[in-house]
């Protein structure tokens, strides 16, 4: 089987299932596992590099309003790879090439590859995506075992935090302008033994104001900007702190969003473990390299 993955999360799932040798095409963002970087890149971004969060937001809004694409699909590469299976999404025009463009490209090229669309909105649907790809690639047993192991880790977290106070966590998926968390991320906060404020489960992330953040009375603020790794998230968290946008006395954390939060694959459970440590540091050990405290609760 020849597989083209147009989602970083799908690429992670495919390799976790043992289907990595069949993956022949990926996106420019597919960087986990590292072996994925050796595959042909068939999708790239149209946004220039080096933009600030505010500039990215402005560019995305302008291009979507004009009906312009944020991603390009390399039709020549797709034709050469001649995939049997293409994995894409129809969830968010800001996240990846959508299924409509993929269907048009395959029809134009005369490719007969099957298209599988993954559109998880909740944590349970993220786990279901593993099962879907397990069936699509013939790795059913491996998929079932992976989901079982992820559920066991979630139950372990639940057992450790059961009966503890649930701090109010405001998780921000963007900082300029601020956006609340959405889709499966509020479920992640809940699964960590905390209460998600601002974001709504199984709903899209929405723009909010810093007044909304303060009015939500969070006990903890977590910066998890889509498209950023830990160091970039730390820098953005420090910027909003320097601007006086973080309510006094509220601990501020930054996390590796791309590794374990905004990509709906197996590593979201790593993200939940990181959030559980942030919410309950006395009972949950921190996963390495996923979170850093930017301001302690004692700083006012």
Protein backbone atom coordinates (compact mmCIF):
# COMPACT_ATOMS: atom_id res chain seq x y z
CA UNK A 1 0.00 0.00 0.00
CA UNK A 2 1.17 3.53 -0.83
CA UNK A 3 -0.09 6.16 1.63
CA UNK A 4 -0.02 9.94 1.47
CA UNK A 5 -0.71 11.70 4.78
CA UNK A 6 -1.81 15.33 4.62
CA UNK A 7 -2.01 15.65 8.42
CA UNK A 8 0.86 15.58 10.93
CA UNK A 9 -1.40 13.77 13.39
CA UNK A 10 -2.28 11.11 10.82
CA UNK A 11 1.41 10.64 10.05
CA UNK A 12 2.07 10.02 13.74
CA UNK A 13 -0.78 7.53 13.93
CA UNK A 14 0.34 5.69 10.80
CA UNK A 15 3.86 5.22 12.10
CA UNK A 16 2.54 4.16 15.53
CA UNK A 17 0.41 1.53 13.80
CA UNK A 18 3.42 0.08 11.98
CA UNK A 19 2.31 1.50 8.62
CA UNK A 20 5.29 3.85 8.39
CA UNK A 21 7.00 1.86 5.59
CA UNK A 22 3.88 2.41 3.46
CA UNK A 23 3.86 6.20 3.94
CA UNK A 24 5.32 7.76 0.78
CA UNK A 25 4.10 11.38 1.04
CA UNK A 26 3.66 13.84 3.90
CA UNK A 27 3.25 17.56 4.62
CA UNK A 28 5.96 20.09 5.45
CA UNK A 29 4.77 19.92 9.08
CA UNK A 30 5.12 16.15 9.49
CA UNK A 31 8.13 15.97 11.80
CA UNK A 32 7.26 13.06 14.12
CA UNK A 33 8.64 10.51 14.11
CA UNK A 34 11.84 11.87 12.59
CA UNK A 35 11.66 9.22 9.85
CA UNK A 36 8.67 11.07 8.41
CA UNK A 37 11.04 13.81 7.27
CA UNK A 38 12.53 11.39 4.73
CA UNK A 39 9.25 11.13 2.81
CA UNK A 40 8.23 13.24 -0.20
CA UNK A 41 6.58 16.52 0.81
CA UNK A 42 3.33 16.99 -1.10
CA UNK A 43 1.77 19.87 0.83
CA UNK A 44 3.24 23.20 1.90
CA UNK A 45 2.08 26.50 3.36
CA UNK A 46 1.53 29.71 1.44
CA UNK A 47 2.31 31.87 4.51
CA UNK A 48 5.76 33.48 4.60
CA UNK A 49 8.13 32.53 7.40
CA UNK A 50 9.03 34.78 10.32
CA UNK A 51 5.62 36.33 10.97
CA UNK A 52 4.50 37.33 14.45
CA UNK A 53 1.26 35.84 15.88
CA UNK A 54 -0.59 39.07 15.05
CA UNK A 55 0.75 39.04 11.49
CA UNK A 56 -0.17 35.37 11.03
CA UNK A 57 -3.69 36.08 12.27
CA UNK A 58 -4.04 39.03 9.88
CA UNK A 59 -2.74 37.02 6.90
CA UNK A 60 -5.03 34.06 7.64
CA UNK A 61 -8.10 36.29 7.97
CA UNK A 62 -7.32 38.18 4.77
CA UNK A 63 -6.69 35.05 2.71
CA UNK A 64 -9.74 33.21 3.97
CA UNK A 65 -11.90 36.29 3.29
CA UNK A 66 -10.53 36.41 -0.25
CA UNK A 67 -11.15 32.70 -0.76
CA UNK A 68 -7.43 31.99 -1.08
CA UNK A 69 -5.78 28.77 0.03
CA UNK A 70 -3.42 28.62 3.00
CA UNK A 71 -1.81 25.41 1.73
CA UNK A 72 -0.61 24.17 -1.63
CA UNK A 73 -0.89 20.62 -2.88
CA UNK A 74 1.91 19.44 -5.16
CA UNK A 75 -0.04 17.72 -7.93
CA UNK A 76 3.10 16.52 -9.71
CA UNK A 77 4.35 14.82 -6.55
CA UNK A 78 0.93 13.33 -5.94
CA UNK A 79 0.84 11.94 -9.48
CA UNK A 80 4.31 10.44 -9.14
CA UNK A 81 3.49 8.80 -5.81
CA UNK A 82 0.19 7.38 -7.15
CA UNK A 83 -1.19 6.68 -3.65
CA UNK A 84 -3.64 3.93 -2.77
CA UNK A 85 -4.71 5.85 0.35
CA UNK A 86 -4.78 9.59 1.09
CA UNK A 87 -5.49 10.78 4.63
CA UNK A 88 -6.83 14.33 4.96
CA UNK A 89 -9.32 16.46 6.91
CA UNK A 90 -12.37 18.66 6.50
CA UNK A 91 -12.20 20.22 9.94
CA UNK A 92 -10.22 23.44 9.72
CA UNK A 93 -9.09 25.43 6.69
CA UNK A 94 -6.30 26.90 8.82
CA UNK A 95 -4.86 23.49 9.73
CA UNK A 96 -4.29 21.61 6.47
CA UNK A 97 -5.43 20.96 2.92
CA UNK A 98 -9.11 20.08 3.03
CA UNK A 99 -10.77 17.09 1.46
CA UNK A 100 -12.44 19.06 -1.34
CA UNK A 101 -9.11 20.14 -2.80
CA UNK A 102 -7.74 16.62 -2.45
CA UNK A 103 -10.73 15.12 -4.25
CA UNK A 104 -10.39 17.63 -7.07
CA UNK A 105 -6.68 16.91 -7.44
CA UNK A 106 -7.15 13.15 -7.52
CA UNK A 107 -9.94 13.45 -10.09
CA UNK A 108 -7.83 15.74 -12.25
CA UNK A 109 -4.82 13.42 -12.06
CA UNK A 110 -6.87 10.30 -12.61
CA UNK A 111 -5.64 8.77 -9.36
CA UNK A 112 -7.84 6.08 -7.88
CA UNK A 113 -6.59 6.31 -4.31
CA UNK A 114 -9.09 6.02 -1.46
CA UNK A 115 -9.51 9.17 0.63
CA UNK A 116 -9.97 8.86 4.40
CA UNK A 117 -11.07 12.00 6.22
CA UNK A 118 -10.26 12.47 9.89
CA UNK A 119 -12.23 15.20 11.68
CA UNK A 120 -12.04 14.53 15.44
CA UNK A 121 -13.76 17.11 17.63
CA UNK A 122 -13.40 15.37 21.01
CA UNK A 123 -10.86 13.26 22.86
CA UNK A 124 -12.87 10.10 22.25
CA UNK A 125 -12.92 10.88 18.52
CA UNK A 126 -9.14 11.34 18.55
CA UNK A 127 -8.83 7.78 19.85
CA UNK A 128 -11.37 6.62 17.26
CA UNK A 129 -9.09 8.05 14.54
CA UNK A 130 -6.49 5.45 15.51
CA UNK A 131 -9.06 2.70 15.02
CA UNK A 132 -10.17 4.15 11.68
CA UNK A 133 -6.64 4.20 10.31
CA UNK A 134 -5.96 0.75 11.75
CA UNK A 135 -8.82 -0.62 9.65
CA UNK A 136 -7.91 1.45 6.58
CA UNK A 137 -4.33 0.17 6.57
CA UNK A 138 -4.90 -3.42 7.66
CA UNK A 139 -3.34 -2.89 11.09
CA UNK A 140 -6.49 -3.59 13.09
CA UNK A 141 -4.90 -5.48 15.99
CA UNK A 142 -2.10 -2.94 16.34
CA UNK A 143 -4.67 -0.12 16.35
CA UNK A 144 -6.81 -1.79 18.99
CA UNK A 145 -3.76 -2.40 21.17
CA UNK A 146 -2.63 1.21 20.82
CA UNK A 147 -6.05 2.57 21.80
CA UNK A 148 -6.17 0.20 24.75
CA UNK A 149 -2.77 1.40 25.97
CA UNK A 150 -3.81 5.05 25.63
CA UNK A 151 -7.03 4.42 27.56
CA UNK A 152 -5.03 2.67 30.29
CA UNK A 153 -2.83 5.75 30.67
CA UNK A 154 -5.89 7.97 30.86
CA UNK A 155 -7.39 5.78 33.56
CA UNK A 156 -4.11 5.92 35.50
CA UNK A 157 -4.28 9.73 35.47
CA UNK A 158 -7.95 9.67 36.49
CA UNK A 159 -7.19 7.37 39.42
CA UNK A 160 -4.39 9.62 40.69
CA UNK A 161 -6.42 12.85 40.58
CA UNK A 162 -9.74 11.37 41.71
CA UNK A 163 -11.14 13.28 44.68
CA UNK A 164 -8.68 16.18 44.36
CA UNK A 165 -9.73 19.80 43.89
CA UNK A 166 -10.00 20.70 40.21
CA UNK A 167 -8.18 23.97 39.43
CA UNK A 168 -9.67 26.27 36.82
CA UNK A 169 -7.42 26.21 33.76
CA UNK A 170 -7.54 28.74 30.93
CA UNK A 171 -5.70 27.24 27.97
CA UNK A 172 -4.93 29.66 25.13
CA UNK A 173 -4.36 28.37 21.60
CA UNK A 174 -3.24 31.80 20.39
CA UNK A 175 -2.03 34.96 22.12
CA UNK A 176 -2.30 37.86 19.66
CA UNK A 177 -5.24 38.08 19.51
CA UNK A 178 -6.07 35.57 22.27
CA UNK A 179 -8.05 32.48 21.31
CA UNK A 180 -9.66 30.00 23.67
CA UNK A 181 -9.02 26.30 23.37
CA UNK A 182 -11.37 24.20 21.26
CA UNK A 183 -12.08 20.79 19.75
CA UNK A 184 -10.51 18.02 21.89
CA UNK A 185 -8.36 20.33 24.06
CA UNK A 186 -11.02 21.13 26.70
CA UNK A 187 -11.44 17.36 27.06
CA UNK A 188 -7.71 17.12 27.68
CA UNK A 189 -7.96 19.67 30.48
CA UNK A 190 -10.87 17.77 32.04
CA UNK A 191 -9.02 14.46 31.75
CA UNK A 192 -6.06 15.98 33.58
CA UNK A 193 -8.12 16.58 36.69
CA UNK A 194 -8.80 20.28 36.07
CA UNK A 195 -11.74 22.39 34.92
CA UNK A 196 -11.53 23.98 31.49
CA UNK A 197 -12.65 27.61 31.41
CA UNK A 198 -13.24 29.72 28.29
CA UNK A 199 -12.98 26.88 25.75
CA UNK A 200 -15.92 24.60 24.93
CA UNK A 201 -15.46 20.91 24.26
CA UNK A 202 -16.11 19.68 20.73
CA UNK A 203 -16.42 23.28 19.50
CA UNK A 204 -14.10 25.47 17.51
CA UNK A 205 -11.51 27.68 19.15
CA UNK A 206 -12.79 31.27 19.20
CA UNK A 207 -11.25 34.68 19.57
CA UNK A 208 -11.64 36.19 23.04
CA UNK A 209 -10.31 39.24 24.89
CA UNK A 210 -7.90 39.55 27.79
CA UNK A 211 -10.87 40.81 29.79
CA UNK A 212 -12.54 37.44 29.10
CA UNK A 213 -9.45 35.68 30.43
CA UNK A 214 -9.49 37.69 33.66
CA UNK A 215 -13.27 37.37 34.04
CA UNK A 216 -12.99 33.58 33.84
CA UNK A 217 -11.05 33.67 37.15
CA UNK A 218 -8.52 31.00 36.17
CA UNK A 219 -6.30 29.40 38.77
CA UNK A 220 -3.76 28.59 36.03
CA UNK A 221 -3.14 29.93 32.53
CA UNK A 222 -1.52 27.67 29.93
CA UNK A 223 -0.17 29.04 26.65
CA UNK A 224 -0.41 26.39 23.90
CA UNK A 225 -0.15 28.25 20.58
CA UNK A 226 -0.91 26.18 17.48
CA UNK A 227 2.18 25.83 15.32
CA UNK A 228 4.67 26.45 18.13
CA UNK A 229 7.02 24.21 20.06
CA UNK A 230 7.96 24.70 23.71
CA UNK A 231 10.55 27.45 23.27
CA UNK A 232 8.26 29.47 21.02
CA UNK A 233 5.37 29.06 23.45
CA UNK A 234 7.59 30.18 26.31
CA UNK A 235 8.58 33.30 24.38
CA UNK A 236 4.93 34.18 23.67
CA UNK A 237 4.00 33.59 27.31
CA UNK A 238 6.80 35.90 28.42
CA UNK A 239 5.55 38.55 25.98
CA UNK A 240 2.02 38.60 27.38
CA UNK A 241 3.48 38.66 30.88
CA UNK A 242 5.67 41.66 30.05
CA UNK A 243 2.65 43.46 28.56
CA UNK A 244 0.73 43.03 31.83
CA UNK A 245 -1.98 40.90 30.22
CA UNK A 246 -1.82 38.03 32.73
CA UNK A 247 -3.99 38.50 35.85
CA UNK A 248 -1.95 39.07 39.01
CA UNK A 249 -1.13 36.02 41.07
CA UNK A 250 -2.11 33.49 38.40
CA UNK A 251 0.57 30.89 37.52
CA UNK A 252 1.54 30.98 33.87
CA UNK A 253 2.77 27.94 31.94
CA UNK A 254 3.88 27.31 28.36
CA UNK A 255 3.60 23.93 26.63
CA UNK A 256 4.77 22.28 23.43
CA UNK A 257 1.52 22.61 21.50
CA UNK A 258 2.60 20.86 18.29
CA UNK A 259 4.03 17.87 20.13
CA UNK A 260 1.14 17.04 22.41
CA UNK A 261 -1.88 19.34 22.19
CA UNK A 262 -3.07 20.62 18.82
CA UNK A 263 -2.28 17.54 16.73
CA UNK A 264 -5.00 14.92 17.40
CA UNK A 265 -2.83 11.82 17.62
CA UNK A 266 -1.50 9.46 20.30
CA UNK A 267 0.69 12.13 21.89
CA UNK A 268 -2.33 14.07 23.19
CA UNK A 269 -2.15 11.66 26.12
CA UNK A 270 1.36 12.98 26.76
CA UNK A 271 -0.25 16.43 26.79
CA UNK A 272 -2.84 15.30 29.31
CA UNK A 273 -0.07 13.98 31.55
CA UNK A 274 1.66 17.37 31.28
CA UNK A 275 -1.56 19.18 32.19
CA UNK A 276 -2.11 16.80 35.09
CA UNK A 277 1.32 17.71 36.44
CA UNK A 278 0.55 21.43 36.02
CA UNK A 279 -2.75 21.01 37.87
CA UNK A 280 -1.54 18.49 40.48
CA UNK A 281 2.27 18.67 40.73
CA UNK A 282 2.33 16.76 44.03
CA UNK A 283 0.85 13.59 42.55
CA UNK A 284 1.76 13.60 38.83
CA UNK A 285 5.31 13.44 37.51
CA UNK A 286 6.01 15.84 34.61
CA UNK A 287 6.67 14.39 31.14
CA UNK A 288 10.05 15.59 29.91
CA UNK A 289 10.24 18.58 27.58
CA UNK A 290 6.54 19.38 27.25
CA UNK A 291 5.87 22.15 29.76
CA UNK A 292 7.67 24.97 31.53
CA UNK A 293 6.49 27.35 34.25
CA UNK A 294 6.85 30.96 33.16
CA UNK A 295 5.52 32.58 36.34
CA UNK A 296 5.04 31.03 39.75
CA UNK A 297 1.86 31.59 41.77
CA UNK A 298 3.89 33.50 44.38
CA UNK A 299 4.76 36.28 41.91
CA UNK A 300 2.27 39.13 42.02
